[in-house]
Protein backbone atom coordinates (compact mmCIF):
# COMPACT_ATOMS: atom_id res chain seq x y z
CA MET A 1 6.76 47.06 42.71
CA THR A 2 4.06 45.28 40.63
CA THR A 3 4.94 41.59 39.83
CA ARG A 4 3.65 39.69 36.77
CA ARG A 5 1.56 37.70 39.13
CA ASP A 6 0.05 41.01 40.48
CA PHE A 7 -0.74 42.12 37.01
CA VAL A 8 -2.46 38.92 35.90
CA LYS A 9 -4.34 38.78 39.13
CA LYS A 10 -5.67 42.32 38.60
CA ALA A 11 -6.50 41.71 34.98
CA VAL A 12 -8.28 38.69 35.61
CA LEU A 13 -10.49 40.52 38.38
CA ALA A 14 -11.31 43.26 36.15
CA SER A 15 -12.50 41.08 33.34
CA VAL A 16 -14.83 38.93 35.29
CA ALA A 17 -16.08 42.05 37.19
CA THR A 18 -17.85 43.05 33.94
CA GLY A 19 -20.27 40.01 34.27
CA LEU A 20 -20.16 39.08 37.98
CA SER A 21 -19.88 41.16 41.19
CA THR A 22 -16.87 40.50 43.20
CA SER A 23 -19.05 39.30 45.93
CA ALA A 24 -19.56 36.16 43.91
CA PHE A 25 -15.95 35.25 44.48
CA SER A 26 -14.69 33.48 47.72
CA ALA A 27 -11.63 34.35 49.54
CA SER A 28 -10.05 31.06 48.30
CA SER A 29 -10.78 32.17 44.85
CA TYR A 30 -8.69 35.27 45.29
CA SER A 31 -5.96 33.59 46.73
CA ARG A 32 -5.63 30.82 44.26
CA ILE A 33 -5.49 32.81 41.01
CA ILE A 34 -2.44 31.59 39.08
CA GLY A 35 0.24 33.59 37.52
CA ALA A 36 1.92 32.86 34.25
CA ASN A 37 5.20 31.79 35.75
CA ASP A 38 3.73 29.95 38.87
CA ARG A 39 4.18 26.27 39.39
CA VAL A 40 0.66 24.77 39.26
CA ARG A 41 -0.05 21.96 41.75
CA VAL A 42 -2.64 19.43 40.30
CA GLY A 43 -4.82 17.14 42.28
CA VAL A 44 -6.32 14.03 40.46
CA LEU A 45 -9.87 13.24 41.55
CA GLY A 46 -10.49 9.49 40.52
CA PHE A 47 -7.73 7.17 39.25
CA SER A 48 -9.98 6.01 36.27
CA ASP A 49 -8.90 4.11 33.14
CA ARG A 50 -9.62 7.35 31.08
CA PHE A 51 -7.09 9.32 33.40
CA ARG A 52 -4.36 6.54 33.35
CA SER A 53 -4.59 5.77 29.50
CA SER A 54 -5.31 9.28 28.09
CA LEU A 55 -5.42 12.28 30.42
CA LEU A 56 -2.10 11.38 32.12
CA PRO A 57 -0.15 10.76 28.99
CA ALA A 58 -1.43 14.15 27.51
CA PHE A 59 -0.46 15.92 30.75
CA MET A 60 3.07 14.51 30.61
CA GLU A 61 3.52 15.83 27.20
CA HIS A 62 3.18 19.39 28.61
CA LYS A 63 3.79 19.53 32.41
CA LYS A 64 7.50 20.39 32.19
CA GLU A 65 7.10 23.19 29.66
CA LEU A 66 4.34 24.93 31.48
CA ASN A 67 5.45 24.01 35.07
CA PHE A 68 2.68 21.75 36.23
CA GLU A 69 3.08 19.17 38.82
CA ILE A 70 0.75 16.38 40.13
CA VAL A 71 0.82 16.40 43.96
CA GLY A 72 -2.22 14.43 45.17
CA LEU A 73 -4.67 11.81 44.25
CA SER A 74 -8.12 10.94 45.76
CA ASP A 75 -10.05 7.71 45.13
CA LEU A 76 -12.63 6.20 47.22
CA TRP A 77 -11.42 2.56 46.63
CA LYS A 78 -8.26 1.65 48.53
CA TYR A 79 -7.17 -0.62 45.96
CA ARG A 80 -7.52 1.88 43.13
CA ARG A 81 -5.90 4.50 45.19
CA ASP A 82 -2.85 2.43 45.97
CA GLN A 83 -2.64 1.44 42.31
CA GLY A 84 -2.72 5.06 41.25
CA LEU A 85 -0.09 6.31 43.65
CA GLU A 86 2.33 3.63 42.65
CA HIS A 87 1.68 4.23 38.92
CA LEU A 88 2.06 8.11 39.39
CA THR A 89 5.11 7.84 41.64
CA LYS A 90 6.79 5.68 38.81
CA THR A 91 5.51 7.86 35.81
CA LEU A 92 6.25 11.31 37.61
CA GLY A 93 9.42 10.14 39.33
CA SER A 94 8.20 12.03 42.43
CA GLU A 95 6.03 11.38 45.38
CA VAL A 96 2.21 11.95 45.32
CA LYS A 97 0.02 12.03 48.38
CA GLY A 98 -3.04 9.90 48.59
CA TYR A 99 -6.52 11.01 50.03
CA ARG A 100 -9.40 8.82 50.85
CA ASN A 101 -12.00 11.23 49.21
CA ASN A 102 -12.14 14.45 47.18
CA GLU A 103 -13.01 16.36 50.36
CA GLU A 104 -9.75 15.42 52.15
CA LEU A 105 -7.81 16.52 49.13
CA LEU A 106 -9.48 19.70 48.59
CA ASP A 107 -9.33 20.46 52.33
CA SER A 108 -5.57 20.02 52.33
CA LYS A 109 -4.94 23.26 50.55
CA THR A 110 -2.01 21.61 48.71
CA THR A 111 -3.32 21.93 45.23
CA ASP A 112 -4.34 24.70 42.77
CA VAL A 113 -6.34 22.79 40.21
CA VAL A 114 -7.81 19.42 39.59
CA MET A 115 -8.52 16.94 36.97
CA ILE A 116 -11.92 15.12 37.50
CA SER A 117 -12.48 11.75 35.72
CA THR A 118 -14.85 10.13 38.42
CA PRO A 119 -18.15 8.32 37.56
CA ASP A 120 -20.24 10.10 34.99
CA PHE A 121 -22.99 11.21 37.49
CA ALA A 122 -20.46 12.62 39.65
CA HIS A 123 -18.80 15.05 37.43
CA ALA A 124 -21.08 17.97 38.16
CA ILE A 125 -21.06 17.63 41.88
CA HIS A 126 -17.32 17.21 42.00
CA THR A 127 -16.82 20.25 39.90
CA ILE A 128 -18.86 22.35 42.18
CA GLN A 129 -16.76 21.12 45.13
CA ALA A 130 -13.73 21.93 43.30
CA VAL A 131 -14.54 25.57 42.20
CA GLN A 132 -16.13 26.39 45.68
CA ALA A 133 -12.64 25.22 47.14
CA GLY A 134 -11.02 27.70 44.78
CA MET A 135 -9.73 25.26 42.06
CA ASP A 136 -9.48 25.50 38.36
CA VAL A 137 -10.94 22.38 36.76
CA TYR A 138 -10.53 19.95 33.94
CA ALA A 139 -13.84 17.87 34.12
CA GLU A 140 -14.46 14.79 31.95
CA LYS A 141 -17.77 14.63 30.05
CA PRO A 142 -20.60 14.20 30.36
CA LEU A 143 -20.89 17.22 32.47
CA ALA A 144 -24.23 16.26 34.19
CA GLU A 145 -27.00 13.42 33.58
CA THR A 146 -29.81 15.40 35.18
CA MET A 147 -30.90 18.91 34.89
CA GLN A 148 -30.84 19.76 38.57
CA ASP A 149 -27.09 18.86 38.60
CA ALA A 150 -26.51 20.71 35.26
CA ARG A 151 -28.06 23.91 36.55
CA ASP A 152 -26.21 23.56 39.89
CA VAL A 153 -22.75 23.21 38.29
CA LEU A 154 -23.46 26.03 35.79
CA LYS A 155 -24.41 28.52 38.57
CA ALA A 156 -21.41 27.52 40.75
CA VAL A 157 -18.81 27.80 37.98
CA LYS A 158 -20.17 31.01 36.63
CA SER A 159 -20.21 32.65 40.12
CA SER A 160 -16.66 31.27 40.85
CA GLY A 161 -14.76 32.95 38.02
CA LYS A 162 -12.61 29.82 37.91
CA ILE A 163 -11.27 28.14 34.67
CA VAL A 164 -13.21 25.04 33.76
CA GLN A 165 -12.34 22.82 30.66
CA ILE A 166 -15.02 20.05 29.74
CA GLY A 167 -13.46 17.12 28.35
CA SER A 168 -15.18 17.54 24.82
CA GLN A 169 -11.69 17.28 23.05
CA ARG A 170 -13.09 17.83 19.74
CA ARG A 171 -13.23 21.40 20.36
CA SER A 172 -9.44 21.36 20.27
CA GLY A 173 -9.19 19.61 16.91
CA PRO A 174 -7.73 21.87 14.06
CA ASN A 175 -10.00 19.89 11.72
CA TYR A 176 -13.11 20.83 13.70
CA HIS A 177 -12.02 24.42 13.76
CA ASP A 178 -11.52 24.44 9.98
CA ALA A 179 -15.08 23.06 9.68
CA VAL A 180 -16.81 25.74 11.88
CA LYS A 181 -14.98 28.48 10.16
CA TYR A 182 -16.00 27.02 6.81
CA ILE A 183 -19.65 26.78 8.06
CA ASN A 184 -19.56 30.40 9.53
CA SER A 185 -18.25 31.76 6.32
CA GLY A 186 -21.66 30.90 4.64
CA GLU A 187 -19.85 28.97 1.81
CA PHE A 188 -21.31 25.55 3.13
CA GLY A 189 -24.98 27.00 3.07
CA PRO A 190 -27.56 26.20 5.82
CA ILE A 191 -27.24 22.67 7.42
CA VAL A 192 -29.96 20.44 6.28
CA MET A 193 -29.07 17.35 8.00
CA VAL A 194 -26.43 15.76 10.35
CA GLU A 195 -25.76 11.98 10.53
CA LEU A 196 -23.81 10.66 13.72
CA MET A 197 -22.66 7.21 14.24
CA TRP A 198 -20.70 5.20 16.92
CA ASN A 199 -20.44 1.53 16.52
CA VAL A 200 -18.24 -1.01 18.32
CA ASN A 201 -18.24 -4.74 18.81
CA GLN A 202 -16.46 -5.09 21.98
CA PRO A 203 -18.01 -7.37 24.70
CA GLY A 204 -15.71 -5.96 27.26
CA ARG A 205 -16.46 -2.40 26.81
CA TRP A 206 -17.35 -0.77 30.06
CA ARG A 207 -17.10 -4.26 31.75
CA ARG A 208 -14.64 -4.85 34.56
CA PRO A 209 -15.29 -8.49 35.81
CA ASP A 210 -11.80 -8.93 37.32
CA LEU A 211 -12.01 -5.74 39.16
CA VAL A 212 -15.62 -6.37 40.48
CA ALA A 213 -14.37 -9.71 41.87
CA LEU A 214 -11.84 -7.61 44.08
CA CYS A 215 -14.12 -4.90 45.12
CA LYS A 216 -15.49 -5.15 48.81
CA GLU A 217 -17.60 -2.71 50.55
CA ALA A 218 -15.15 -2.56 53.44
CA ASP A 219 -12.50 -1.01 51.23
CA LEU A 220 -14.52 2.08 49.98
CA ASP A 221 -16.94 4.65 51.03
CA TRP A 222 -20.18 3.41 49.36
CA ASN A 223 -22.33 6.10 50.67
CA ARG A 224 -19.97 8.97 49.48
CA TYR A 225 -19.91 7.45 46.01
CA LEU A 226 -23.79 7.51 45.86
CA LEU A 227 -23.77 11.31 46.30
CA ASN A 228 -27.43 12.57 45.53
CA ARG A 229 -28.47 9.38 43.92
CA PRO A 230 -31.12 7.16 45.75
CA LYS A 231 -29.60 5.14 48.56
CA VAL A 232 -29.12 1.43 47.58
CA ALA A 233 -27.29 -1.60 48.92
CA PHE A 234 -23.48 -1.82 47.92
CA ASP A 235 -23.02 -3.31 44.33
CA PRO A 236 -19.47 -3.55 43.05
CA ARG A 237 -20.96 -3.50 39.32
CA LYS A 238 -22.63 -0.05 39.82
CA TYR A 239 -19.36 0.97 41.39
CA LEU A 240 -16.96 -0.18 38.66
CA GLU A 241 -19.18 -0.74 35.64
CA TYR A 242 -21.39 2.32 36.34
CA ARG A 243 -21.63 3.18 32.63
CA LEU A 244 -24.04 0.19 32.18
CA PHE A 245 -26.48 1.34 34.86
CA TRP A 246 -28.82 4.24 35.31
CA PRO A 247 -28.75 6.56 37.11
CA TYR A 248 -25.10 6.48 37.54
CA SER A 249 -24.62 7.11 33.78
CA SER A 250 -26.84 7.33 30.63
CA GLY A 251 -24.38 5.01 28.83
CA ILE A 252 -24.32 5.65 25.14
CA PRO A 253 -25.71 9.29 25.29
CA GLY A 254 -23.35 10.59 28.10
CA GLN A 255 -20.36 8.47 26.80
CA TRP A 256 -20.37 8.91 23.12
CA MET A 257 -23.26 10.94 21.89
CA SER A 258 -22.01 13.96 24.08
CA HIS A 259 -18.92 14.21 22.06
CA GLN A 260 -20.68 14.43 18.67
CA ILE A 261 -23.69 16.40 19.62
CA ASP A 262 -21.49 18.91 21.16
CA THR A 263 -20.16 19.69 17.54
CA VAL A 264 -23.78 20.24 16.49
CA HIS A 265 -24.17 23.01 18.96
CA TRP A 266 -20.87 24.51 18.18
CA PHE A 267 -21.23 24.34 14.44
CA ALA A 268 -24.86 25.57 14.36
CA ASN A 269 -24.38 28.02 17.14
CA LEU A 270 -27.45 26.57 18.82
CA PRO A 271 -27.80 25.80 22.56
CA HIS A 272 -29.87 22.72 22.56
CA PRO A 273 -32.46 20.64 20.55
CA ARG A 274 -36.02 21.64 20.05
CA SER A 275 -37.24 18.25 20.37
CA VAL A 276 -35.99 14.59 20.75
CA VAL A 277 -37.31 11.10 20.03
CA ALA A 278 -35.47 7.80 20.78
CA ASN A 279 -35.71 4.09 20.51
CA GLY A 280 -33.39 1.13 21.41
CA GLY A 281 -32.74 -1.60 23.91
CA ILE A 282 -30.53 -4.33 25.26
CA TYR A 283 -30.53 -6.59 22.33
CA GLN A 284 -27.10 -8.24 22.41
CA TRP A 285 -25.43 -7.96 25.93
CA LYS A 286 -27.92 -9.35 28.35
CA ASP A 287 -25.73 -9.20 31.32
CA GLY A 288 -27.94 -7.27 33.79
CA ARG A 289 -27.11 -3.89 32.46
CA THR A 290 -29.85 -1.33 32.51
CA ASN A 291 -28.46 0.90 29.85
CA ALA A 292 -29.06 0.37 26.02
CA ASP A 293 -26.59 -1.40 23.95
CA THR A 294 -28.24 -0.22 20.83
CA LEU A 295 -29.76 3.29 20.44
CA THR A 296 -31.12 5.54 17.85
CA VAL A 297 -32.09 9.22 18.59
CA ALA A 298 -33.71 11.71 16.21
CA PHE A 299 -33.19 15.44 17.20
CA ASP A 300 -34.89 18.43 15.74
CA TYR A 301 -32.79 21.55 15.88
CA GLY A 302 -33.44 25.18 14.82
CA PRO A 303 -34.40 28.60 15.90
CA LEU A 304 -36.83 28.28 18.80
CA ASN A 305 -39.10 31.08 17.38
CA ASP A 306 -39.19 29.74 13.86
CA PRO A 307 -40.14 26.01 13.81
CA LYS A 308 -40.43 25.77 10.06
CA SER A 309 -36.61 26.19 9.75
CA GLY A 310 -33.87 24.04 11.07
CA PHE A 311 -32.58 20.61 10.58
CA GLN A 312 -32.51 17.05 11.85
CA VAL A 313 -29.84 15.24 13.55
CA MET A 314 -29.73 11.33 13.50
CA PHE A 315 -27.52 9.63 16.09
CA GLN A 316 -27.09 5.84 15.85
CA SER A 317 -25.05 3.44 18.08
CA ARG A 318 -24.65 -0.19 18.73
CA PHE A 319 -22.47 -2.50 20.65
CA SER A 320 -23.07 -5.58 18.54
CA ASN A 321 -21.41 -4.84 15.26
CA SER A 322 -18.87 -2.29 14.59
CA ALA A 323 -19.50 -1.76 10.91
CA GLY A 324 -19.58 1.90 10.04
CA GLY A 325 -17.57 2.62 12.88
CA THR A 326 -17.51 6.44 14.16
CA LYS A 327 -18.96 8.99 11.57
CA GLU A 328 -19.82 12.72 11.62
CA LEU A 329 -21.50 13.81 8.51
CA TYR A 330 -22.96 17.36 7.89
CA TYR A 331 -25.13 18.04 4.63
CA SER A 332 -26.15 21.07 3.10
CA ASN A 333 -27.94 21.43 -0.33
CA GLY A 334 -24.66 21.84 -2.10
CA GLY A 335 -22.65 18.89 -0.46
CA MET A 336 -21.22 17.56 2.72
CA ILE A 337 -18.49 17.87 5.27
CA ASN A 338 -17.19 14.44 6.34
CA LEU A 339 -15.20 14.66 9.51
CA ASP A 340 -13.92 11.16 9.38
CA THR A 341 -12.16 11.74 6.03
CA ASN A 342 -11.86 15.49 6.79
CA GLN A 343 -13.00 16.17 3.29
CA ILE A 344 -15.61 18.83 2.15
CA THR A 345 -17.12 17.51 -1.12
CA ALA A 346 -20.13 18.24 -3.54
CA GLU A 347 -21.44 14.69 -2.95
CA GLY A 348 -25.25 14.79 -2.84
CA GLY A 349 -25.27 18.48 -3.92
CA LEU A 350 -27.74 19.81 -6.48
CA THR A 351 -26.48 18.90 -9.76
CA ALA A 352 -27.10 20.74 -13.20
CA ARG A 353 -29.39 18.17 -14.23
CA MET A 354 -31.58 18.22 -11.32
CA ALA A 355 -31.68 22.00 -11.14
CA LYS A 356 -32.55 22.38 -14.73
CA GLU A 357 -35.87 20.38 -14.25
CA MET A 358 -36.95 23.33 -11.72
CA ASN A 359 -35.19 26.28 -13.70
CA MET A 360 -32.85 26.59 -10.86
CA GLN A 361 -28.94 27.05 -10.72
CA PRO A 362 -26.73 23.96 -9.77
CA ASN A 363 -25.50 24.11 -6.12
CA LEU A 364 -22.30 22.19 -5.74
CA LEU A 365 -19.60 22.81 -3.28
CA GLU A 366 -15.97 23.31 -4.30
CA PRO A 367 -13.95 20.36 -2.78
CA LYS A 368 -11.75 21.35 0.07
CA LYS A 369 -9.52 19.57 2.64
CA LEU A 370 -9.70 20.06 6.33
CA GLN A 371 -6.57 19.84 8.32
CA ASP A 372 -5.78 16.13 8.57
CA PHE A 373 -6.60 15.14 12.24
CA LYS A 374 -8.14 11.80 13.00
CA VAL A 375 -10.45 11.22 16.14
CA GLU A 376 -9.47 8.09 18.00
CA ALA A 377 -12.65 6.39 19.13
CA GLY A 378 -11.26 3.01 20.49
CA ALA A 379 -11.29 2.28 24.12
CA ASN A 380 -8.60 3.26 26.64
CA THR A 381 -6.11 4.71 24.00
CA GLY A 382 -3.05 6.53 24.93
CA GLY A 383 -1.39 9.17 23.01
CA ASP A 384 -4.51 10.51 21.54
CA PRO A 385 -3.58 13.96 19.85
CA LEU A 386 -6.94 15.37 20.36
CA THR A 387 -6.84 14.68 24.16
CA SER A 388 -3.27 16.03 24.32
CA ALA A 389 -4.38 19.30 22.43
CA HIS A 390 -7.26 19.71 24.76
CA VAL A 391 -5.30 19.33 28.11
CA ARG A 392 -2.76 21.63 26.67
CA ASN A 393 -5.23 24.21 26.00
CA TRP A 394 -6.55 23.89 29.60
CA MET A 395 -3.08 24.22 31.05
CA ASP A 396 -2.48 27.17 28.93
CA CYS A 397 -5.88 28.76 30.10
CA VAL A 398 -5.03 28.20 33.85
CA LYS A 399 -1.93 30.39 33.19
CA SER A 400 -3.44 33.02 30.83
CA ARG A 401 -7.04 33.09 32.49
CA GLN A 402 -8.51 33.03 28.90
CA THR A 403 -11.58 31.12 28.25
CA PRO A 404 -10.74 27.40 27.29
CA ASN A 405 -12.03 25.76 24.01
CA ALA A 406 -14.89 23.82 25.86
CA PRO A 407 -16.17 26.16 28.58
CA ILE A 408 -18.92 25.25 31.25
CA GLU A 409 -21.65 26.46 28.73
CA ALA A 410 -20.49 23.80 26.18
CA GLY A 411 -21.02 21.13 28.88
CA TYR A 412 -24.22 22.49 29.97
CA GLN A 413 -25.57 22.43 26.33
CA HIS A 414 -24.37 18.89 25.66
CA SER A 415 -26.06 17.85 28.92
CA ILE A 416 -29.46 19.05 27.85
CA ALA A 417 -29.23 17.13 24.65
CA ASN A 418 -27.98 13.99 26.42
CA ILE A 419 -30.71 14.24 29.18
CA MET A 420 -33.50 14.80 26.57
CA ALA A 421 -32.26 11.65 24.75
CA THR A 422 -32.19 9.68 28.02
CA ALA A 423 -35.84 10.82 28.99
CA ALA A 424 -36.90 9.92 25.26
CA TYR A 425 -35.42 6.60 25.41
CA GLN A 426 -36.77 5.77 28.89
CA THR A 427 -40.31 7.13 28.41
CA GLY A 428 -40.94 6.53 24.73
CA LEU A 429 -42.20 10.02 24.44
CA LYS A 430 -41.30 13.04 22.39
CA VAL A 431 -39.35 15.25 24.69
CA THR A 432 -39.00 19.00 24.61
CA PHE A 433 -37.05 21.62 26.56
CA ASP A 434 -38.64 24.35 28.68
CA GLU A 435 -36.53 27.43 28.11
CA LYS A 436 -37.79 29.40 31.03
CA ALA A 437 -37.54 26.76 33.63
CA GLN A 438 -34.55 25.15 32.05
CA GLU A 439 -36.26 21.63 32.32
CA ILE A 440 -36.78 18.63 30.26
CA MET A 441 -40.36 18.02 29.44
CA ALA A 442 -41.81 14.62 28.53
CA GLY A 443 -45.57 14.24 27.80
CA GLY A 444 -46.08 17.87 28.88
CA LYS A 445 -44.75 17.23 32.32
CA ALA A 446 -41.14 17.70 33.83
CA TRP A 447 -39.15 14.52 33.66
CA LYS A 448 -38.28 12.78 36.75
CA PRO A 449 -34.92 11.04 36.21
CA TYR A 450 -35.37 8.48 39.06
């Protein structure tokens, strides 16, 4: 008798066989293919602020309906691990087993999927470990902060056949889906410019002074934390405030720009910028950080074989004044899409008066309203509907074996743009991308990240 589980398993193997040979899959990958009615056991890699305040509430909204259960938590720091186990047990109403590191959790064979919200530079490596252990993955962005890590994780995921959702939650927003459909319809016209903005005035953003004071090397595995980064002496700030320090995070590009630049790739159907320049610095918060608190990045996008066509993207972010907030503005000759107000308008379009001067026809978009869905850009916010929709999409895809809204390719592409921006900021040079080598080029040479 053929069960539903057998049917789903055979369908999945048949579909992936068209693009990958069956030898690409490990025995553990075969054994962990999940049926639509199976209970899914979840492991949590890293009890982070992001997980506690956003991913966990989103997970709780859907776990009962979809039969998901958190059974394990790994965290390198004993304090956070114990805190996480207590919080999860109270929230879930059931016991969760703790593990000192990801390897212990993955080797336990007690989980089917994992949710990764470890430090930025670790996402790629931890995703590799998870898919090679036969796990489906929800991995927070940025996917990777170096091209070597990006290439490695892309290869590992593609050869595994596992379901991987990157935490670019805009891809699950109905307003964003409306916008991309509108652009693809041709009604908007060619994109001529994109303006992206992400401004805050939060002295405590990415700072954890109280936790830093508690963090002792004896209570965590520092060398395991460093992974493939240079070996340096223990520093609790680089462990808990890693977003302020390269090479553990790029800061603004990886944390904020990665969300917005991902929509550019999606809307324009382009894999990466043609070139990038950047400028910025540490102008306000002189607290020992090495990543910029103010950054402006200019991207050139367009067909690689046609440098005379395309458009520019301007990204600007500051920590010192929140005026302007978070904005995503797409312009065409006929008007604009404002993803802050979710309005399509003729603002800035070619008016009859201006067109008449050149014997042209006016070009003004017909006003439209996208679905009303507001992106939450505040720190550590719970109940974010975008995150809830995105986690739900991943959970559905784990069961259906369909491609999630933000697959590994989306993470790879935003990583290219982020890394190009980081290289441009650090070198002061115009940065390009070597398509053949899949490498970042600065000053005609491959950029060395550290």
